[in-house]
């Protein structure tokens, strides 16, 4: 089983990025997909979840700015991030059940 997050990078405050999570070796159709982030020196926190039915939830800190989605046929997930803030700087991970991707680094400059 592999989860591969990609799409991170350096962006100015107010900018946008879209993260992708590619999966293999796992049937994601019935599982929720989660996005977590871990800022430098801080604990990992849940950012967004998309269920198998497409229902979404967000942390208060990203609500209205981030959009999570998934494509079960392609076995991928996405996290669209708009109006980025310096405090969004973190390594972002996708997660399904007990499986984790390696993370992708997002750096937002002020």
Protein backbone atom coordinates (compact mmCIF):
# COMPACT_ATOMS: atom_id res chain seq x y z
CA UNK A 1 0.00 0.00 0.00
CA UNK A 2 1.31 3.41 -0.94
CA UNK A 3 -0.01 6.90 -0.49
CA UNK A 4 1.96 9.60 -2.27
CA UNK A 5 1.25 13.25 -1.54
CA UNK A 6 2.50 15.85 -3.99
CA UNK A 7 1.96 19.43 -5.04
CA UNK A 8 3.60 21.28 -2.19
CA UNK A 9 5.94 24.19 -2.65
CA UNK A 10 6.66 27.80 -1.84
CA UNK A 11 3.85 30.30 -2.30
CA UNK A 12 3.20 33.86 -1.21
CA UNK A 13 0.48 34.67 1.27
CA UNK A 14 -2.84 34.90 -0.49
CA UNK A 15 -1.81 32.38 -3.09
CA UNK A 16 -3.12 28.92 -3.87
CA UNK A 17 -1.84 25.39 -4.12
CA UNK A 18 -3.46 22.08 -4.90
CA UNK A 19 -2.14 18.97 -3.22
CA UNK A 20 -2.73 15.52 -4.64
CA UNK A 21 -2.72 12.12 -3.00
CA UNK A 22 -2.13 9.15 -5.25
CA UNK A 23 -2.84 5.72 -3.81
CA UNK A 24 -1.94 2.21 -4.84
CA UNK A 25 -2.47 -1.21 -3.38
CA UNK A 26 -5.59 -0.17 -1.54
CA UNK A 27 -9.27 -0.03 -2.33
CA UNK A 28 -10.34 3.42 -1.20
CA UNK A 29 -13.95 3.26 -2.24
CA UNK A 30 -15.36 2.67 1.25
CA UNK A 31 -12.84 4.61 3.32
CA UNK A 32 -12.63 8.19 4.39
CA UNK A 33 -9.60 10.12 3.23
CA UNK A 34 -8.03 12.60 5.60
CA UNK A 35 -5.52 15.38 5.19
CA UNK A 36 -3.31 16.24 8.13
CA UNK A 37 -0.57 18.80 8.52
CA UNK A 38 2.34 19.21 10.86
CA UNK A 39 3.77 22.71 11.24
CA UNK A 40 7.43 23.00 12.21
CA UNK A 41 7.86 22.13 15.87
CA UNK A 42 4.19 21.35 16.38
CA UNK A 43 1.95 18.32 16.51
CA UNK A 44 0.18 16.87 13.54
CA UNK A 45 -3.39 18.12 13.17
CA UNK A 46 -6.38 17.08 11.12
CA UNK A 47 -7.19 19.58 8.39
CA UNK A 48 -9.88 18.01 6.22
CA UNK A 49 -11.80 14.80 5.64
CA UNK A 50 -13.78 13.51 2.69
CA UNK A 51 -15.89 10.41 3.26
CA UNK A 52 -16.58 7.68 0.74
CA UNK A 53 -19.88 9.41 0.01
CA UNK A 54 -18.18 12.73 -0.64
CA UNK A 55 -19.15 14.45 2.59
CA UNK A 56 -16.52 16.87 3.78
CA UNK A 57 -15.43 18.38 7.06
CA UNK A 58 -12.75 20.94 7.81
CA UNK A 59 -10.89 22.31 10.76
CA UNK A 60 -11.94 25.80 11.76
CA UNK A 61 -8.57 27.17 10.73
CA UNK A 62 -9.05 26.24 7.05
CA UNK A 63 -12.81 26.28 6.64
CA UNK A 64 -13.82 28.43 3.69
CA UNK A 65 -10.29 28.42 2.24
CA UNK A 66 -9.56 24.74 1.62
CA UNK A 67 -11.55 22.28 -0.47
CA UNK A 68 -11.07 18.53 -0.22
CA UNK A 69 -12.18 16.10 -2.90
CA UNK A 70 -11.59 12.59 -4.14
CA UNK A 71 -11.85 10.47 -7.25
CA UNK A 72 -12.54 6.87 -6.30
CA UNK A 73 -12.11 5.61 -9.85
CA UNK A 74 -8.65 7.14 -10.09
CA UNK A 75 -7.91 6.32 -6.45
CA UNK A 76 -6.77 9.86 -5.77
CA UNK A 77 -7.55 12.71 -3.46
CA UNK A 78 -7.01 16.44 -3.66
CA UNK A 79 -6.74 19.34 -1.29
CA UNK A 80 -7.25 22.71 -2.92
CA UNK A 81 -5.84 25.47 -0.73
CA UNK A 82 -6.76 29.10 -1.39
CA UNK A 83 -6.00 32.34 0.44
CA UNK A 84 -2.97 30.73 2.00
CA UNK A 85 -1.51 32.23 5.15
CA UNK A 86 1.96 31.92 6.67
CA UNK A 87 0.43 29.83 9.45
CA UNK A 88 -0.54 27.23 6.84
CA UNK A 89 3.15 26.41 6.50
CA UNK A 90 3.50 22.71 7.29
CA UNK A 91 4.13 19.28 5.90
CA UNK A 92 0.83 17.93 4.63
CA UNK A 93 -0.06 14.25 4.75
CA UNK A 94 -2.86 12.19 3.29
CA UNK A 95 -4.20 9.33 5.35
CA UNK A 96 -6.53 6.41 4.85
CA UNK A 97 -7.14 4.09 7.78
CA UNK A 98 -3.71 3.15 9.15
CA UNK A 99 -1.87 4.14 5.97
CA UNK A 100 0.06 7.38 5.61
CA UNK A 101 1.77 9.13 2.76
CA UNK A 102 5.22 10.64 3.08
CA UNK A 103 3.93 14.18 3.13
CA UNK A 104 4.54 17.23 0.99
CA UNK A 105 5.93 20.51 2.28
CA UNK A 106 3.97 23.72 1.93
CA UNK A 107 5.70 26.97 2.74
CA UNK A 108 3.76 30.24 2.72
CA UNK A 109 5.80 33.41 2.78
CA UNK A 110 4.47 36.66 4.17
